[in-house]
Amino acid sequence: MSSADPTDARLDDRTRWRAFAVCVAVAALTILDLSKVNVGLPSIERSLDATSSSLQFIVAGYALAFGLALVPAGRLGDLKSRRALFIVGLVAFTGSSLLCAVAPTIEVLMVTRILQGFAAGTQMPQVIGLVQQLFRGPERGRAFGLFGAMIGISTALGPTIGGGLIALGGEENGWRLLFWMNVPLGLVALFFAVKLLPKGAQGQAKDRELDIVGILLLGAAIITLMLPFVLTTGAGDSGARWLWLVGFAVFLGLFVLWEVRYKRQGKSPVVHFELFRLSSYRNGLSIVAVYFAAIPASFLMVTLFLQEGLGLSPLFAGMVSIPFAATSAVGSYVGGRIVDRVGRALVVFGLFMVVVGFVLLMLAAVLTPPEVTPWAMAGAFLVGGLGGGFVVSPNQTLTLAEIPVEQSGVAGSMQQLGQRVGTAIGTAVATSIFYGIVRGAASGGSGAGSGGVSRLDAYHDAFRSGTTFTVSLMALALVLAVGDLVVRRRAARREAATAA
């Protein structure tokens, strides 16, 4: 039995589920900031006289800081107290949101946005670790199902909420409401977190040391990996930024060497590499990284196509994704309840539906009349959303099923890190493809009535090419899931033969 089990034994079902509700609500709040702020960028540009580079940094800085904080925060939570790290992260997130809301200049907003990303990255591993700590067996699957439903809703509704707040606050300063909304919600969540989250340290006494050198080396590796991708805008970026990947290779090598040496000394490293010997964990990480390289990039291109190509307002462009949120929530809830019985086959089926749904989305965008296109795309989102619900939560349950509770925080943070890195890479490539085609058509002197490609045709071409890339990533995730399913079934047959 893990060191966390005695703490769990003192909690009744009602208390555990109330604590879980706090965790999920805060996770949803942080995920919203990955998507809702995108629609506020034009408002920020007008209000603070921001450049395109600074606007890019508003988005990229949050994602980079989020990814950088994940593993160290997960390790600290495992060793010390997930409750304490959760509360620290929530206080920091609420405070930094307040600073973002009142930022007088774009430079101040850029700094406070980084602080907000660090705070979000501190909280998220504690959520995953607490779910592992609070629940066992089928209950854990149901909990991750509800968690996935909330995350799916947050991701898909972010643009709609952002568009509504900008419409409410005005085009000049409506973006400030995007951050103001986090303040009262964060304070309410803080009250319930202090009251409901389980107390106590998770780490054993001999495992309480913190590998500072390992954390610094891993942080350097994460920065040098993500930086060239988060700085990609698709607008004549310098090729010199890819030299950062050389630094990533160096720091990753140093990190591995240090961690192996640290473990041989009888100490507890940042990442236990034996976790990657578990095929369930290794394959699950690969699937989620590739999947998240596709999904956020697809949502971004939908927003760009609807607003810039079809001329829809941010609010109505965001509403097109509501069907995805609805069916994703249903799929996550149902998937969490049946994943223990169906296993990896459920993820395979979900990924197949995602591929079908986004192919339909692409066809709806490029083949239907403009007045029908938003409705047709919303219909395609119904299919893709249901499939997505069968992917994220069940995959999370299957990936962490064999992970010891005392290592669940850092294991979950590695999974979240895979999502953030995948998102950075996928968004960079998809955005470059999308804007490369749009700008190419514009620089060629094309336009409606010019005898060349019309403006809408250019956006059709851009969306088709970008979505072809993201659908290819979805298909790759499907292949990885099928491979894991084959491995699992072969292992089950060997176990059955041994038992016989």
Protein backbone atom coordinates (compact mmCIF):
# COMPACT_ATOMS: atom_id res chain seq x y z
CA MET A 1 0.00 0.00 0.00
CA SER A 2 1.26 3.48 -0.86
CA SER A 3 2.08 6.10 1.67
CA ALA A 4 -0.97 8.05 0.52
CA ASP A 5 -3.44 5.31 1.34
CA PRO A 6 -3.88 6.11 5.04
CA THR A 7 -4.89 9.64 4.09
CA ASP A 8 -7.43 8.27 1.62
CA ALA A 9 -8.90 5.92 4.20
CA ARG A 10 -10.02 8.85 6.38
CA LEU A 11 -12.02 10.41 3.54
CA ASP A 12 -15.60 9.37 2.89
CA ASP A 13 -17.04 9.24 -0.64
CA ARG A 14 -18.72 12.64 -0.38
CA THR A 15 -15.52 14.37 0.75
CA ARG A 16 -13.44 12.72 -1.98
CA TRP A 17 -15.82 13.75 -4.74
CA ARG A 18 -16.10 17.29 -3.39
CA ALA A 19 -12.31 17.55 -3.34
CA PHE A 20 -12.28 16.19 -6.89
CA ALA A 21 -14.80 18.87 -7.95
CA VAL A 22 -12.45 21.59 -6.68
CA CYS A 23 -9.54 20.08 -8.63
CA VAL A 24 -11.50 19.81 -11.86
CA ALA A 25 -12.91 23.33 -11.60
CA VAL A 26 -9.45 24.84 -11.19
CA ALA A 27 -8.01 22.70 -14.02
CA ALA A 28 -10.81 23.91 -16.30
CA LEU A 29 -10.05 27.51 -15.34
CA THR A 30 -6.39 27.18 -16.32
CA ILE A 31 -7.18 25.37 -19.57
CA LEU A 32 -9.61 28.13 -20.53
CA ASP A 33 -6.68 30.55 -20.58
CA LEU A 34 -5.04 28.47 -23.29
CA SER A 35 -7.89 29.18 -25.70
CA LYS A 36 -10.04 32.13 -24.65
CA VAL A 37 -7.18 34.65 -24.79
CA ASN A 38 -6.62 33.92 -28.50
CA VAL A 39 -9.81 35.75 -29.48
CA GLY A 40 -8.76 38.73 -27.36
CA LEU A 41 -5.54 39.41 -29.24
CA PRO A 42 -7.05 42.02 -31.63
CA SER A 43 -8.52 43.83 -28.61
CA ILE A 44 -5.14 43.76 -26.84
CA GLU A 45 -3.47 45.09 -29.98
CA ARG A 46 -5.81 48.09 -30.15
CA SER A 47 -5.75 48.80 -26.41
CA LEU A 48 -2.02 48.56 -25.75
CA ASP A 49 -0.66 49.33 -29.24
CA ALA A 50 0.94 45.87 -29.33
CA THR A 51 3.07 44.47 -32.14
CA SER A 52 2.50 41.07 -33.73
CA SER A 53 5.59 39.74 -31.93
CA SER A 54 4.33 40.81 -28.52
CA LEU A 55 0.91 39.30 -29.23
CA GLN A 56 2.61 36.04 -30.16
CA PHE A 57 4.49 36.18 -26.87
CA ILE A 58 1.22 36.60 -24.93
CA VAL A 59 0.15 33.17 -26.19
CA ALA A 60 3.56 31.51 -26.40
CA GLY A 61 4.83 32.78 -23.05
CA TYR A 62 1.90 31.23 -21.20
CA ALA A 63 2.37 27.88 -22.95
CA LEU A 64 6.14 27.88 -22.38
CA ALA A 65 5.88 28.74 -18.67
CA PHE A 66 3.07 26.21 -18.26
CA GLY A 67 5.22 23.43 -19.72
CA LEU A 68 8.32 24.49 -17.80
CA ALA A 69 6.61 24.29 -14.39
CA LEU A 70 4.90 20.92 -14.88
CA VAL A 71 7.56 18.35 -13.97
CA PRO A 72 9.25 20.22 -11.08
CA ALA A 73 5.84 21.01 -9.59
CA GLY A 74 4.71 17.43 -10.03
CA ARG A 75 7.85 16.15 -8.31
CA LEU A 76 7.46 18.63 -5.43
CA GLY A 77 3.85 17.59 -4.97
CA ASP A 78 4.81 13.92 -4.88
CA LEU A 79 7.54 14.53 -2.29
CA LYS A 80 5.95 17.18 -0.08
CA SER A 81 2.24 17.97 -0.29
CA ARG A 82 -0.01 18.12 -3.34
CA ARG A 83 -2.50 20.17 -1.35
CA ALA A 84 0.11 22.81 -0.51
CA LEU A 85 1.38 23.04 -4.12
CA PHE A 86 -2.20 23.24 -5.40
CA ILE A 87 -3.01 26.13 -3.06
CA VAL A 88 0.24 27.96 -3.87
CA GLY A 89 -0.46 27.59 -7.59
CA LEU A 90 -4.06 28.75 -7.21
CA VAL A 91 -3.07 31.85 -5.21
CA ALA A 92 -0.41 32.68 -7.81
CA PHE A 93 -2.82 32.10 -10.70
CA THR A 94 -5.48 34.35 -9.16
CA GLY A 95 -2.96 37.07 -8.34
CA SER A 96 -1.29 37.01 -11.74
CA SER A 97 -4.71 37.11 -13.44
CA LEU A 98 -5.45 40.29 -11.49
CA LEU A 99 -2.14 41.78 -12.63
CA CYS A 100 -2.93 40.82 -16.24
CA ALA A 101 -6.34 42.49 -16.00
CA VAL A 102 -4.90 45.83 -14.86
CA ALA A 103 -1.71 45.75 -16.98
CA PRO A 104 -1.03 49.31 -18.21
CA THR A 105 1.40 48.33 -20.98
CA ILE A 106 2.04 45.39 -23.26
CA GLU A 107 5.38 44.76 -21.52
CA VAL A 108 3.68 44.37 -18.13
CA LEU A 109 1.08 42.06 -19.66
CA MET A 110 3.81 39.87 -21.17
CA VAL A 111 5.54 39.46 -17.78
CA THR A 112 2.33 38.78 -15.85
CA ARG A 113 1.21 36.32 -18.50
CA ILE A 114 4.39 34.29 -17.92
CA LEU A 115 3.68 34.32 -14.17
CA GLN A 116 0.18 33.09 -14.91
CA GLY A 117 1.58 30.22 -16.98
CA PHE A 118 3.95 29.17 -14.19
CA ALA A 119 1.05 29.18 -11.74
CA ALA A 120 -1.12 27.05 -14.04
CA GLY A 121 1.74 24.61 -14.56
CA THR A 122 2.16 24.33 -10.79
CA GLN A 123 -1.49 23.40 -10.27
CA MET A 124 -2.11 20.90 -13.05
CA PRO A 125 0.21 18.06 -11.85
CA GLN A 126 -1.41 18.24 -8.42
CA VAL A 127 -4.82 17.68 -10.00
CA ILE A 128 -3.65 14.48 -11.71
CA GLY A 129 -1.83 13.31 -8.58
CA LEU A 130 -4.84 13.97 -6.36
CA VAL A 131 -7.13 11.99 -8.67
CA GLN A 132 -4.70 9.07 -8.47
CA GLN A 133 -4.53 9.48 -4.70
CA LEU A 134 -8.27 9.80 -4.07
CA PHE A 135 -9.62 7.04 -6.32
CA ARG A 136 -8.92 3.41 -7.17
CA GLY A 137 -10.15 0.95 -9.79
CA PRO A 138 -13.32 1.77 -11.75
CA GLU A 139 -13.86 4.90 -9.64
CA ARG A 140 -10.63 6.33 -11.01
CA GLY A 141 -11.85 5.76 -14.56
CA ARG A 142 -15.09 7.59 -13.79
CA ALA A 143 -13.15 10.45 -12.19
CA PHE A 144 -10.88 10.82 -15.20
CA GLY A 145 -13.97 10.67 -17.40
CA LEU A 146 -15.49 13.65 -15.62
CA PHE A 147 -12.12 15.38 -15.64
CA GLY A 148 -11.82 14.89 -19.40
CA ALA A 149 -15.38 16.11 -19.93
CA MET A 150 -14.62 19.37 -18.14
CA ILE A 151 -11.32 19.86 -19.97
CA GLY A 152 -13.01 19.18 -23.31
CA ILE A 153 -15.75 21.68 -22.54
CA SER A 154 -13.20 24.28 -21.42
CA THR A 155 -11.07 23.85 -24.53
CA ALA A 156 -13.98 24.06 -26.94
CA LEU A 157 -15.91 26.84 -25.15
CA GLY A 158 -12.87 29.04 -24.56
CA PRO A 159 -13.29 31.00 -27.82
CA THR A 160 -17.03 31.43 -27.20
CA ILE A 161 -16.53 32.70 -23.66
CA GLY A 162 -13.72 34.98 -24.83
CA GLY A 163 -15.83 36.39 -27.65
CA GLY A 164 -18.76 37.01 -25.30
CA LEU A 165 -16.61 38.84 -22.74
CA ILE A 166 -15.06 41.03 -25.45
CA ALA A 167 -18.53 41.88 -26.76
CA LEU A 168 -19.56 42.75 -23.19
CA GLY A 169 -16.50 44.87 -22.39
CA GLY A 170 -16.07 46.53 -25.76
CA GLU A 171 -13.51 46.09 -28.52
CA GLU A 172 -11.00 48.43 -26.89
CA ASN A 173 -10.75 47.01 -23.35
CA GLY A 174 -12.93 43.89 -23.47
CA TRP A 175 -9.81 41.73 -23.23
CA ARG A 176 -9.39 42.75 -19.58
CA LEU A 177 -12.55 40.81 -18.66
CA LEU A 178 -10.82 37.64 -19.89
CA PHE A 179 -8.49 37.94 -16.89
CA TRP A 180 -10.89 39.60 -14.44
CA MET A 181 -13.18 36.55 -14.57
CA ASN A 182 -10.40 34.42 -13.04
CA VAL A 183 -10.23 36.54 -9.86
CA PRO A 184 -13.60 35.84 -8.19
CA LEU A 185 -13.62 32.27 -9.49
CA GLY A 186 -10.10 31.73 -8.14
CA LEU A 187 -11.03 33.12 -4.71
CA VAL A 188 -14.07 30.84 -4.47
CA ALA A 189 -11.95 27.85 -5.52
CA LEU A 190 -9.30 28.80 -2.95
CA PHE A 191 -11.88 28.74 -0.13
CA PHE A 192 -13.01 25.23 -1.04
CA ALA A 193 -9.47 23.99 -1.70
CA VAL A 194 -8.35 24.95 1.83
CA LYS A 195 -11.46 23.33 3.24
CA LEU A 196 -11.68 20.10 1.24
CA LEU A 197 -8.33 18.94 -0.16
CA PRO A 198 -6.61 16.11 1.77
CA LYS A 199 -3.66 17.04 3.94
CA GLY A 200 -0.35 15.24 4.43
CA ALA A 201 2.84 14.52 2.51
CA GLN A 202 3.02 11.81 -0.10
CA GLY A 203 6.74 11.05 -0.24
CA GLN A 204 8.44 8.56 2.02
CA ALA A 205 11.02 10.01 4.41
CA LYS A 206 13.96 8.64 2.44
CA ASP A 207 12.58 10.16 -0.77
CA ARG A 208 12.15 13.72 0.47
CA GLU A 209 15.29 15.18 -1.12
CA LEU A 210 14.84 17.40 -4.15
CA ASP A 211 17.09 16.95 -7.19
CA ILE A 212 17.82 20.62 -7.94
CA VAL A 213 20.43 19.93 -10.65
CA GLY A 214 18.08 17.51 -12.41
CA ILE A 215 15.26 20.07 -12.31
CA LEU A 216 17.48 22.79 -13.80
CA LEU A 217 18.75 20.52 -16.59
CA LEU A 218 15.23 19.36 -17.43
CA GLY A 219 14.00 22.96 -17.42
CA ALA A 220 16.77 23.96 -19.84
CA ALA A 221 15.85 21.02 -22.10
CA ILE A 222 12.16 21.99 -22.09
CA ILE A 223 12.91 25.65 -22.89
CA THR A 224 15.25 24.84 -25.77
CA LEU A 225 12.77 22.33 -27.19
CA MET A 226 9.66 24.51 -27.05
CA LEU A 227 11.14 27.94 -27.76
CA PRO A 228 11.69 27.61 -31.54
CA PHE A 229 8.13 26.35 -31.96
CA VAL A 230 6.35 28.89 -29.76
CA LEU A 231 8.23 31.69 -31.59
CA THR A 232 7.05 30.46 -35.00
CA THR A 233 4.48 32.84 -36.48
CA GLY A 234 4.56 31.90 -40.15
CA ALA A 235 5.55 35.46 -41.06
CA GLY A 236 9.16 35.35 -42.25
CA ASP A 237 10.61 33.84 -39.09
CA SER A 238 14.37 33.53 -38.85
CA GLY A 239 15.72 30.04 -39.42
CA ALA A 240 18.30 30.67 -36.68
CA ARG A 241 15.67 29.87 -34.06
CA TRP A 242 16.04 26.14 -34.87
CA LEU A 243 19.55 26.23 -33.40
CA TRP A 244 17.83 26.06 -30.02
CA LEU A 245 17.18 22.37 -30.78
CA VAL A 246 20.94 21.77 -30.60
CA GLY A 247 20.78 23.04 -27.03
CA PHE A 248 17.85 20.71 -26.38
CA ALA A 249 19.90 17.68 -27.45
CA VAL A 250 22.79 18.75 -25.19
CA PHE A 251 20.66 19.46 -22.12
CA LEU A 252 18.58 16.30 -22.58
CA GLY A 253 21.76 14.20 -22.73
CA LEU A 254 23.14 15.88 -19.62
CA PHE A 255 19.82 15.37 -17.82
CA VAL A 256 19.75 11.64 -18.56
CA LEU A 257 23.37 11.18 -17.47
CA TRP A 258 22.80 13.12 -14.26
CA GLU A 259 19.59 11.27 -13.39
CA VAL A 260 21.23 7.84 -13.88
CA ARG A 261 24.16 8.89 -11.68
CA TYR A 262 21.81 10.37 -9.08
CA LYS A 263 19.78 7.16 -8.91
CA ARG A 264 22.93 5.03 -8.50
CA GLN A 265 23.79 7.08 -5.43
CA GLY A 266 20.59 5.81 -3.82
CA LYS A 267 18.75 9.11 -4.21
CA SER A 268 15.36 9.86 -5.75
CA PRO A 269 15.64 11.53 -9.20
CA VAL A 270 13.21 13.95 -10.81
CA VAL A 271 11.99 11.33 -13.30
CA HIS A 272 12.09 7.61 -12.60
CA PHE A 273 13.08 6.21 -15.99
CA GLU A 274 11.73 2.79 -15.07
CA LEU A 275 8.27 4.29 -15.66
CA PHE A 276 9.06 4.28 -19.39
CA ARG A 277 9.59 0.52 -19.26
CA LEU A 278 5.84 0.21 -18.80
CA SER A 279 4.43 -0.07 -22.31
CA SER A 280 1.06 1.25 -21.10
CA TYR A 281 2.69 4.47 -19.90
CA ARG A 282 5.13 4.84 -22.80
CA ASN A 283 2.53 4.25 -25.49
CA GLY A 284 -0.04 6.44 -23.77
CA LEU A 285 2.39 9.36 -23.69
CA SER A 286 3.12 8.97 -27.40
CA ILE A 287 -0.57 8.89 -28.30
CA VAL A 288 -1.48 11.97 -26.28
CA ALA A 289 1.50 13.99 -27.56
CA VAL A 290 0.61 13.34 -31.21
CA TYR A 291 -3.11 13.87 -30.57
CA PHE A 292 -2.52 17.24 -28.92
CA ALA A 293 -0.25 18.27 -31.76
CA ALA A 294 -3.37 18.04 -33.93
CA ILE A 295 -6.40 19.16 -31.92
CA PRO A 296 -5.45 22.66 -30.63
CA ALA A 297 -3.92 23.50 -34.01
CA SER A 298 -7.18 22.47 -35.70
CA PHE A 299 -9.23 24.67 -33.38
CA LEU A 300 -6.92 27.62 -34.06
CA MET A 301 -7.30 27.20 -37.82
CA VAL A 302 -11.09 26.97 -37.47
CA THR A 303 -11.07 30.27 -35.57
CA LEU A 304 -8.82 31.93 -38.16
CA PHE A 305 -10.87 30.61 -41.08
CA LEU A 306 -14.21 31.68 -39.63
CA GLN A 307 -13.09 35.14 -38.50
CA GLU A 308 -10.64 36.12 -41.24
CA GLY A 309 -11.99 34.05 -44.12
CA LEU A 310 -15.75 34.26 -43.56
CA GLY A 311 -15.75 37.48 -41.51
CA LEU A 312 -17.64 36.12 -38.48
CA SER A 313 -17.39 37.91 -35.14
CA PRO A 314 -15.31 36.27 -32.36
CA LEU A 315 -18.48 35.33 -30.49
CA PHE A 316 -20.18 33.55 -33.41
CA ALA A 317 -16.93 31.97 -34.59
CA GLY A 318 -16.48 30.52 -31.12
CA MET A 319 -20.04 29.17 -31.03
CA VAL A 320 -19.32 26.88 -33.99
CA SER A 321 -17.26 24.66 -31.66
CA ILE A 322 -20.03 24.26 -29.06
CA PRO A 323 -21.19 20.91 -30.55
CA PHE A 324 -17.66 19.57 -30.07
CA ALA A 325 -17.77 20.58 -26.41
CA ALA A 326 -21.17 18.95 -25.88
CA THR A 327 -20.43 15.60 -27.49
CA SER A 328 -16.89 15.55 -26.06
CA ALA A 329 -18.34 15.90 -22.57
CA VAL A 330 -20.73 13.01 -23.22
CA GLY A 331 -17.96 10.86 -24.69
CA SER A 332 -15.60 11.57 -21.78
CA TYR A 333 -18.26 10.70 -19.20
CA VAL A 334 -19.29 7.48 -20.92
CA GLY A 335 -15.70 6.58 -21.76
CA GLY A 336 -14.62 6.96 -18.15
CA ARG A 337 -17.30 4.47 -17.06
CA ILE A 338 -16.53 1.76 -19.61
CA VAL A 339 -12.77 2.08 -20.13
CA ASP A 340 -12.02 -0.62 -17.55
CA ARG A 341 -14.10 -3.10 -19.57
CA VAL A 342 -13.26 -2.00 -23.13
CA GLY A 343 -9.64 -0.89 -22.67
CA ARG A 344 -7.50 0.47 -25.50
CA ALA A 345 -10.10 -0.51 -28.13
CA LEU A 346 -12.19 2.42 -26.88
CA VAL A 347 -9.36 4.86 -27.69
CA VAL A 348 -8.91 3.27 -31.12
CA PHE A 349 -12.60 3.73 -31.88
CA GLY A 350 -12.49 7.31 -30.59
CA LEU A 351 -9.51 8.24 -32.75
CA PHE A 352 -11.21 6.75 -35.81
CA MET A 353 -14.24 8.98 -35.14
CA VAL A 354 -11.97 12.01 -34.67
CA VAL A 355 -10.35 11.39 -38.06
CA VAL A 356 -13.77 11.02 -39.71
CA GLY A 357 -15.11 14.11 -37.93
CA PHE A 358 -12.23 16.39 -38.97
CA VAL A 359 -12.28 15.13 -42.56
CA LEU A 360 -15.97 16.08 -42.60
CA LEU A 361 -15.01 19.43 -41.05
CA MET A 362 -12.56 20.10 -43.87
CA LEU A 363 -15.12 19.16 -46.53
CA ALA A 364 -17.75 21.34 -44.87
CA ALA A 365 -15.39 24.31 -44.86
CA VAL A 366 -14.30 24.14 -48.50
CA LEU A 367 -17.33 22.69 -50.31
CA THR A 368 -20.35 24.47 -48.82
CA PRO A 369 -21.67 27.99 -49.58
CA PRO A 370 -20.37 30.61 -47.08
CA GLU A 371 -23.78 31.13 -45.50
CA VAL A 372 -24.06 27.38 -44.81
CA THR A 373 -20.42 26.71 -43.87
CA PRO A 374 -20.60 27.52 -40.11
CA TRP A 375 -23.62 25.24 -39.67
CA ALA A 376 -22.03 22.42 -41.65
CA MET A 377 -18.81 22.72 -39.65
CA ALA A 378 -20.80 22.63 -36.41
CA GLY A 379 -22.40 19.38 -37.59
CA ALA A 380 -19.00 17.86 -38.30
CA PHE A 381 -17.88 18.87 -34.81
CA LEU A 382 -20.60 16.64 -33.36
CA VAL A 383 -18.80 13.58 -34.73
CA GLY A 384 -15.28 14.74 -33.88
CA GLY A 385 -16.25 15.78 -30.36
CA LEU A 386 -17.76 12.42 -29.47
CA GLY A 387 -14.63 10.70 -30.72
CA GLY A 388 -12.43 13.11 -28.77
CA GLY A 389 -14.32 12.25 -25.60
CA PHE A 390 -13.43 8.59 -26.11
CA VAL A 391 -9.74 9.50 -26.47
CA VAL A 392 -8.48 11.88 -23.79
CA SER A 393 -9.99 10.55 -20.56
CA PRO A 394 -9.74 6.82 -21.38
CA ASN A 395 -6.16 7.29 -22.58
CA GLN A 396 -5.29 9.08 -19.35
CA THR A 397 -6.77 6.26 -17.28
CA LEU A 398 -4.94 3.58 -19.28
CA THR A 399 -1.65 5.52 -19.28
CA LEU A 400 -1.55 5.94 -15.49
CA ALA A 401 -3.13 2.60 -14.56
CA GLU A 402 0.17 0.96 -13.54
CA ILE A 403 1.80 4.06 -12.03
CA PRO A 404 2.44 3.95 -8.24
CA VAL A 405 0.45 6.61 -6.38
CA GLU A 406 3.62 8.12 -4.87
CA GLN A 407 4.88 8.87 -8.42
CA SER A 408 1.54 9.88 -9.94
CA GLY A 409 2.20 13.62 -9.81
CA VAL A 410 5.39 13.55 -11.87
CA ALA A 411 3.95 10.82 -14.15
CA GLY A 412 0.88 12.95 -14.80
CA SER A 413 3.03 16.04 -15.33
CA MET A 414 5.04 14.19 -18.00
CA GLN A 415 1.75 13.44 -19.73
CA GLN A 416 0.75 17.11 -19.51
CA LEU A 417 4.20 18.12 -20.77
CA GLY A 418 3.70 15.86 -23.78
CA GLN A 419 0.45 17.70 -24.47
CA ARG A 420 2.09 21.13 -24.22
CA VAL A 421 5.06 20.18 -26.41
CA GLY A 422 2.76 18.53 -28.94
CA THR A 423 0.55 21.62 -28.97
CA ALA A 424 3.54 23.92 -29.54
CA ILE A 425 4.88 21.86 -32.42
CA GLY A 426 1.54 21.19 -34.09
CA THR A 427 0.36 24.79 -33.82
CA ALA A 428 3.65 26.13 -35.19
CA VAL A 429 3.56 23.90 -38.26
CA ALA A 430 -0.16 24.29 -38.94
CA THR A 431 -0.01 28.09 -38.53
CA SER A 432 2.95 28.30 -40.90
CA ILE A 433 1.08 26.26 -43.51
CA PHE A 434 -2.11 28.29 -43.08
CA TYR A 435 -0.58 31.76 -43.19
CA GLY A 436 2.00 30.74 -45.77
CA ILE A 437 -0.78 30.01 -48.27
CA VAL A 438 -2.85 33.09 -47.35
CA ARG A 439 0.11 35.45 -47.61
CA GLY A 440 1.32 33.75 -50.77
CA ALA A 441 -2.03 34.41 -52.42
CA ALA A 442 -2.02 38.03 -51.22
CA SER A 443 1.56 38.72 -52.35
CA GLY A 444 0.71 37.29 -55.76
CA GLY A 445 -1.71 40.14 -56.29
CA SER A 446 -4.72 37.89 -56.20
CA GLY A 447 -8.11 38.99 -55.05
CA ALA A 448 -11.72 38.98 -55.98
CA GLY A 449 -12.10 40.26 -59.44
CA SER A 450 -8.39 40.32 -60.21
CA GLY A 451 -8.43 37.21 -62.30
CA GLY A 452 -6.47 35.30 -59.67
CA VAL A 453 -7.46 33.36 -56.59
CA SER A 454 -10.18 35.10 -54.58
CA ARG A 455 -9.66 35.94 -50.93
CA LEU A 456 -12.09 33.22 -49.83
CA ASP A 457 -10.48 30.68 -52.14
CA ALA A 458 -7.12 31.45 -50.55
CA TYR A 459 -8.57 30.73 -47.12
CA HIS A 460 -10.16 27.55 -48.47
CA ASP A 461 -6.77 26.39 -49.72
CA ALA A 462 -5.09 27.36 -46.45
CA PHE A 463 -7.65 25.55 -44.31
CA ARG A 464 -7.59 22.45 -46.52
CA SER A 465 -3.79 22.22 -46.43
CA GLY A 466 -3.50 22.92 -42.71
CA THR A 467 -6.25 20.46 -41.82
CA THR A 468 -4.68 17.80 -44.02
CA PHE A 469 -1.58 18.11 -41.84
CA THR A 470 -3.52 17.87 -38.56
CA VAL A 471 -5.66 14.96 -39.78
CA SER A 472 -2.43 13.16 -40.69
CA LEU A 473 -1.33 13.57 -37.07
CA MET A 474 -4.68 12.18 -35.89
CA ALA A 475 -4.19 9.20 -38.17
CA LEU A 476 -0.70 8.70 -36.70
CA ALA A 477 -2.19 8.69 -33.20
CA LEU A 478 -4.68 6.08 -34.43
CA VAL A 479 -1.83 3.89 -35.71
CA LEU A 480 -0.04 4.20 -32.33
CA ALA A 481 -3.23 3.25 -30.49
CA VAL A 482 -3.76 0.19 -32.72
CA GLY A 483 -0.15 -0.83 -32.03
CA ASP A 484 -0.71 -0.53 -28.28
CA LEU A 485 -3.92 -2.54 -28.57
CA VAL A 486 -2.02 -5.35 -30.34
CA VAL A 487 0.67 -5.30 -27.62
CA ARG A 488 -1.92 -5.47 -24.85
CA ARG A 489 -3.82 -8.36 -26.45
CA ARG A 490 -0.65 -10.36 -27.02
CA ALA A 491 0.33 -9.83 -23.38
CA ALA A 492 -3.13 -10.93 -22.27
CA ARG A 493 -2.88 -14.10 -24.36
CA ARG A 494 0.54 -14.88 -22.86
CA GLU A 495 -0.80 -14.40 -19.35
CA ALA A 496 -3.78 -16.63 -20.11
CA ALA A 497 -1.52 -19.33 -21.53
CA THR A 498 0.76 -19.14 -18.49
CA ALA A 499 -2.20 -19.39 -16.13
CA ALA A 500 -3.55 -22.36 -18.06
